[in-house]
C-alpha atoms as a PDB file:
ATOM      1  CA  UNK A   1    -107.060 150.882-183.781  1.00  0.00           C
ATOM      2  CA  UNK A   2    -104.042 152.922-184.725  1.00  0.00           C
ATOM      3  CA  UNK A   3    -103.158 153.815-188.286  1.00  0.00           C
ATOM      4  CA  UNK A   4    -100.734 151.629-190.215  1.00  0.00           C
ATOM      5  CA  UNK A   5     -98.345 153.551-192.448  1.00  0.00           C
ATOM      6  CA  UNK A   6     -97.269 151.671-195.561  1.00  0.00           C
ATOM      7  CA  UNK A   7     -95.611 152.386-198.853  1.00  0.00           C
ATOM      8  CA  UNK A   8     -97.628 151.441-201.926  1.00  0.00           C
ATOM      9  CA  UNK A   9     -95.321 148.423-202.387  1.00  0.00           C
ATOM     10  CA  UNK A  10     -95.889 147.358-198.771  1.00  0.00           C
ATOM     11  CA  UNK A  11     -99.644 147.689-199.207  1.00  0.00           C
ATOM     12  CA  UNK A  12     -99.595 145.562-202.357  1.00  0.00           C
ATOM     13  CA  UNK A  13     -97.434 142.938-200.609  1.00  0.00           C
ATOM     14  CA  UNK A  14     -99.969 142.671-197.782  1.00  0.00           C
ATOM     15  CA  UNK A  15    -102.786 142.233-200.320  1.00  0.00           C
ATOM     16  CA  UNK A  16    -100.832 139.398-201.999  1.00  0.00           C
ATOM     17  CA  UNK A  17    -100.117 137.797-198.612  1.00  0.00           C
ATOM     18  CA  UNK A  18    -103.832 137.981-197.785  1.00  0.00           C
ATOM     19  CA  UNK A  19    -104.800 136.335-201.085  1.00  0.00           C
ATOM     20  CA  UNK A  20    -102.288 133.514-200.478  1.00  0.00           C
ATOM     21  CA  UNK A  21    -103.624 132.983-196.947  1.00  0.00           C
ATOM     22  CA  UNK A  22    -107.199 132.840-198.238  1.00  0.00           C
ATOM     23  CA  UNK A  23    -106.167 130.068-200.662  1.00  0.00           C
ATOM     24  CA  UNK A  24    -104.406 128.264-197.819  1.00  0.00           C
ATOM     25  CA  UNK A  25    -107.559 128.605-195.696  1.00  0.00           C
ATOM     26  CA  UNK A  26    -109.626 126.962-198.448  1.00  0.00           C
ATOM     27  CA  UNK A  27    -107.163 124.070-198.717  1.00  0.00           C
ATOM     28  CA  UNK A  28    -107.098 123.623-194.941  1.00  0.00           C
ATOM     29  CA  UNK A  29    -110.902 123.473-194.894  1.00  0.00           C
ATOM     30  CA  UNK A  30    -110.735 120.629-197.406  1.00  0.00           C
ATOM     31  CA  UNK A  31    -108.022 118.883-195.348  1.00  0.00           C
ATOM     32  CA  UNK A  32    -110.123 119.177-192.178  1.00  0.00           C
ATOM     33  CA  UNK A  33    -113.135 117.734-194.017  1.00  0.00           C
ATOM     34  CA  UNK A  34    -111.095 114.772-195.278  1.00  0.00           C
ATOM     35  CA  UNK A  35    -109.591 114.113-191.857  1.00  0.00           C
ATOM     36  CA  UNK A  36    -113.049 114.296-190.260  1.00  0.00           C
ATOM     37  CA  UNK A  37    -114.298 111.577-192.619  1.00  0.00           C
ATOM     38  CA  UNK A  38    -111.609 109.194-191.348  1.00  0.00           C
ATOM     39  CA  UNK A  39    -113.494 108.636-188.132  1.00  0.00           C
ATOM     40  CA  UNK A  40    -112.465 109.011-184.488  1.00  0.00           C
ATOM     41  CA  UNK A  41    -111.330 112.640-184.100  1.00  0.00           C
ATOM     42  CA  UNK A  42    -109.785 112.143-180.642  1.00  0.00           C
ATOM     43  CA  UNK A  43    -106.823 110.235-182.043  1.00  0.00           C
ATOM     44  CA  UNK A  44    -106.729 111.753-185.521  1.00  0.00           C
ATOM     45  CA  UNK A  45    -103.403 113.624-185.763  1.00  0.00           C
ATOM     46  CA  UNK A  46    -104.162 114.950-189.275  1.00  0.00           C
ATOM     47  CA  UNK A  47    -107.370 116.540-188.038  1.00  0.00           C
ATOM     48  CA  UNK A  48    -105.749 118.202-185.019  1.00  0.00           C
ATOM     49  CA  UNK A  49    -102.806 119.426-187.077  1.00  0.00           C
ATOM     50  CA  UNK A  50    -105.067 120.926-189.746  1.00  0.00           C
ATOM     51  CA  UNK A  51    -107.275 122.591-187.094  1.00  0.00           C
ATOM     52  CA  UNK A  52    -104.207 124.090-185.402  1.00  0.00           C
ATOM     53  CA  UNK A  53    -102.853 125.375-188.713  1.00  0.00           C
ATOM     54  CA  UNK A  54    -106.280 126.799-189.563  1.00  0.00           C
ATOM     55  CA  UNK A  55    -106.244 128.779-186.296  1.00  0.00           C
ATOM     56  CA  UNK A  56    -102.848 130.257-187.173  1.00  0.00           C
ATOM     57  CA  UNK A  57    -103.952 131.142-190.705  1.00  0.00           C
ATOM     58  CA  UNK A  58    -107.177 132.744-189.468  1.00  0.00           C
ATOM     59  CA  UNK A  59    -105.236 134.815-186.930  1.00  0.00           C
ATOM     60  CA  UNK A  60    -102.846 136.055-189.605  1.00  0.00           C
ATOM     61  CA  UNK A  61    -105.743 136.840-191.969  1.00  0.00           C
ATOM     62  CA  UNK A  62    -107.342 138.948-189.234  1.00  0.00           C
ATOM     63  CA  UNK A  63    -104.094 140.850-188.594  1.00  0.00           C
ATOM     64  CA  UNK A  64    -103.580 141.633-192.270  1.00  0.00           C
ATOM     65  CA  UNK A  65    -107.206 142.695-192.763  1.00  0.00           C
ATOM     66  CA  UNK A  66    -106.909 145.080-189.789  1.00  0.00           C
ATOM     67  CA  UNK A  67    -103.722 146.590-191.211  1.00  0.00           C
ATOM     68  CA  UNK A  68    -105.248 147.031-194.659  1.00  0.00           C
ATOM     69  CA  UNK A  69    -108.351 148.699-193.185  1.00  0.00           C
ATOM     70  CA  UNK A  70    -106.300 151.252-191.236  1.00  0.00           C
ATOM     71  CA  UNK A  71    -103.569 151.677-193.851  1.00  0.00           C
ATOM     72  CA  UNK A  72    -102.422 155.148-194.792  1.00  0.00           C
ATOM     73  CA  UNK A  73    -100.186 155.259-197.828  1.00  0.00           C
ATOM     74  CA  UNK A  74     -96.955 157.105-197.152  1.00  0.00           C
ATOM     75  CA  UNK A  75     -96.772 157.994-200.848  1.00  0.00           C
ATOM     76  CA  UNK A  76     -99.988 160.055-200.490  1.00  0.00           C
ATOM     77  CA  UNK A  77     -98.933 162.044-197.405  1.00  0.00           C
ATOM     78  CA  UNK A  78     -98.201 165.742-197.763  1.00  0.00           C
ATOM     79  CA  UNK A  79     -94.668 165.886-196.373  1.00  0.00           C
ATOM     80  CA  UNK A  80     -92.949 169.302-196.144  1.00  0.00           C
ATOM     81  CA  UNK A  81     -89.858 169.589-198.325  1.00  0.00           C
ATOM     82  CA  UNK A  82     -86.498 169.397-196.485  1.00  0.00           C
ATOM     83  CA  UNK A  83     -88.173 168.144-193.276  1.00  0.00           C
ATOM     84  CA  UNK A  84     -87.558 164.677-191.825  1.00  0.00           C
ATOM     85  CA  UNK A  85     -90.864 162.770-191.744  1.00  0.00           C
ATOM     86  CA  UNK A  86     -92.296 159.371-192.519  1.00  0.00           C
ATOM     87  CA  UNK A  87     -91.827 158.671-196.211  1.00  0.00           C
ATOM     88  CA  UNK A  88     -88.528 160.504-196.519  1.00  0.00           C
ATOM     89  CA  UNK A  89     -84.973 159.385-197.046  1.00  0.00           C
ATOM     90  CA  UNK A  90     -82.538 161.182-194.770  1.00  0.00           C
ATOM     91  CA  UNK A  91     -78.782 161.351-195.234  1.00  0.00           C
ATOM     92  CA  UNK A  92     -76.871 161.876-191.988  1.00  0.00           C
ATOM     93  CA  UNK A  93     -73.304 162.615-190.986  1.00  0.00           C
ATOM     94  CA  UNK A  94     -72.267 161.518-187.509  1.00  0.00           C
ATOM     95  CA  UNK A  95     -69.663 163.140-185.273  1.00  0.00           C
ATOM     96  CA  UNK A  96     -66.960 160.848-186.741  1.00  0.00           C
ATOM     97  CA  UNK A  97     -67.672 162.149-190.251  1.00  0.00           C
ATOM     98  CA  UNK A  98     -69.318 158.895-191.393  1.00  0.00           C
ATOM     99  CA  UNK A  99     -72.423 159.237-193.530  1.00  0.00           C
ATOM    100  CA  UNK A 100     -75.451 156.986-193.600  1.00  0.00           C
ATOM    101  CA  UNK A 101     -78.820 157.029-195.315  1.00  0.00           C
ATOM    102  CA  UNK A 102     -82.137 155.857-193.903  1.00  0.00           C
ATOM    103  CA  UNK A 103     -85.630 155.625-195.285  1.00  0.00           C
ATOM    104  CA  UNK A 104     -88.247 156.349-192.614  1.00  0.00           C
ATOM    105  CA  UNK A 105     -91.116 153.871-192.892  1.00  0.00           C
ATOM    106  CA  UNK A 106     -93.920 152.397-190.796  1.00  0.00           C
ATOM    107  CA  UNK A 107     -93.208 149.579-188.368  1.00  0.00           C
ATOM    108  CA  UNK A 108     -94.364 146.838-190.742  1.00  0.00           C
ATOM    109  CA  UNK A 109     -91.810 147.710-193.423  1.00  0.00           C
ATOM    110  CA  UNK A 110     -88.859 148.354-191.149  1.00  0.00           C
ATOM    111  CA  UNK A 111     -85.640 146.555-192.145  1.00  0.00           C
ATOM    112  CA  UNK A 112     -82.565 148.265-190.659  1.00  0.00           C
ATOM    113  CA  UNK A 113     -80.197 146.013-192.633  1.00  0.00           C
ATOM    114  CA  UNK A 114     -81.742 147.475-195.805  1.00  0.00           C
ATOM    115  CA  UNK A 115     -81.658 151.057-194.494  1.00  0.00           C
ATOM    116  CA  UNK A 116     -85.392 151.229-193.705  1.00  0.00           C
ATOM    117  CA  UNK A 117     -86.065 152.263-190.127  1.00  0.00           C
ATOM    118  CA  UNK A 118     -89.372 152.540-188.330  1.00  0.00           C
ATOM    119  CA  UNK A 119     -90.531 156.013-187.362  1.00  0.00           C
ATOM    120  CA  UNK A 120     -90.970 154.479-183.900  1.00  0.00           C
ATOM    121  CA  UNK A 121     -87.228 153.761-183.580  1.00  0.00           C
ATOM    122  CA  UNK A 122     -85.152 155.965-181.249  1.00  0.00           C
ATOM    123  CA  UNK A 123     -83.098 157.353-184.160  1.00  0.00           C
ATOM    124  CA  UNK A 124     -86.163 158.296-186.199  1.00  0.00           C
ATOM    125  CA  UNK A 125     -87.889 159.789-183.171  1.00  0.00           C
ATOM    126  CA  UNK A 126     -84.887 162.078-182.620  1.00  0.00           C
ATOM    127  CA  UNK A 127     -84.878 163.161-186.284  1.00  0.00           C
ATOM    128  CA  UNK A 128     -88.585 163.692-186.995  1.00  0.00           C
ATOM    129  CA  UNK A 129     -89.416 167.308-187.764  1.00  0.00           C
ATOM    130  CA  UNK A 130     -85.783 168.338-188.223  1.00  0.00           C
ATOM    131  CA  UNK A 131     -84.597 170.132-191.344  1.00  0.00           C
ATOM    132  CA  UNK A 132     -81.633 169.939-193.714  1.00  0.00           C
ATOM    133  CA  UNK A 133     -78.380 171.375-192.282  1.00  0.00           C
ATOM    134  CA  UNK A 134     -79.598 171.041-188.695  1.00  0.00           C
ATOM    135  CA  UNK A 135     -77.409 169.309-186.143  1.00  0.00           C
ATOM    136  CA  UNK A 136     -79.274 167.211-183.612  1.00  0.00           C
ATOM    137  CA  UNK A 137     -78.291 165.143-180.593  1.00  0.00           C
ATOM    138  CA  UNK A 138     -80.316 161.930-180.570  1.00  0.00           C
ATOM    139  CA  UNK A 139     -80.682 159.890-177.368  1.00  0.00           C
ATOM    140  CA  UNK A 140     -79.995 156.296-178.424  1.00  0.00           C
ATOM    141  CA  UNK A 141     -79.908 153.143-176.272  1.00  0.00           C
ATOM    142  CA  UNK A 142     -76.078 153.101-176.526  1.00  0.00           C
ATOM    143  CA  UNK A 143     -75.925 156.754-175.488  1.00  0.00           C
ATOM    144  CA  UNK A 144     -76.506 160.107-177.156  1.00  0.00           C
ATOM    145  CA  UNK A 145     -75.096 160.676-180.660  1.00  0.00           C
ATOM    146  CA  UNK A 146     -74.861 163.841-182.707  1.00  0.00           C
ATOM    147  CA  UNK A 147     -75.889 163.926-186.358  1.00  0.00           C
ATOM    148  CA  UNK A 148     -75.964 166.574-189.030  1.00  0.00           C
ATOM    149  CA  UNK A 149     -78.795 166.255-191.545  1.00  0.00           C
ATOM    150  CA  UNK A 150     -77.196 166.518-194.986  1.00  0.00           C
ATOM    151  CA  UNK A 151     -80.154 165.752-197.245  1.00  0.00           C
ATOM    152  CA  UNK A 152     -83.855 164.907-197.081  1.00  0.00           C
ATOM    153  CA  UNK A 153     -85.741 163.556-200.099  1.00  0.00           C
ATOM    154  CA  UNK A 154     -89.079 161.849-200.697  1.00  0.00           C
ATOM    155  CA  UNK A 155     -88.876 158.065-200.650  1.00  0.00           C
END
């Protein structure tokens, strides 16, 4: 299993999601029991629906438990100052003079619309390990782009 990098907030969110799924699992168990008491299971739509939903819930519970077991908190990592790494916020200037800011996070917390990009993304991969004031050409799917790193701070 590979490590899952999460912020403390992301870790807490997964724990809450897990608790909610465990409650849902309990309710589904009750629903399955009630449907089973109604007789013929072959033609019992409630029973089959509850069993199907239970399978989905159990799968999601397993995924979340795996992530929590392998979680490494970004907040606890020793990240060098002024170096682009997971858990940092990087301010960039592109060749057109436009600036943008991105927070580098693990895959599970990535939300480009909110400025949080996965360290697995092409942009982050091109920036990792770079320092403030460096200019770097990053190979992106739309073609290479040049960026100057203006600022790097801890997230």
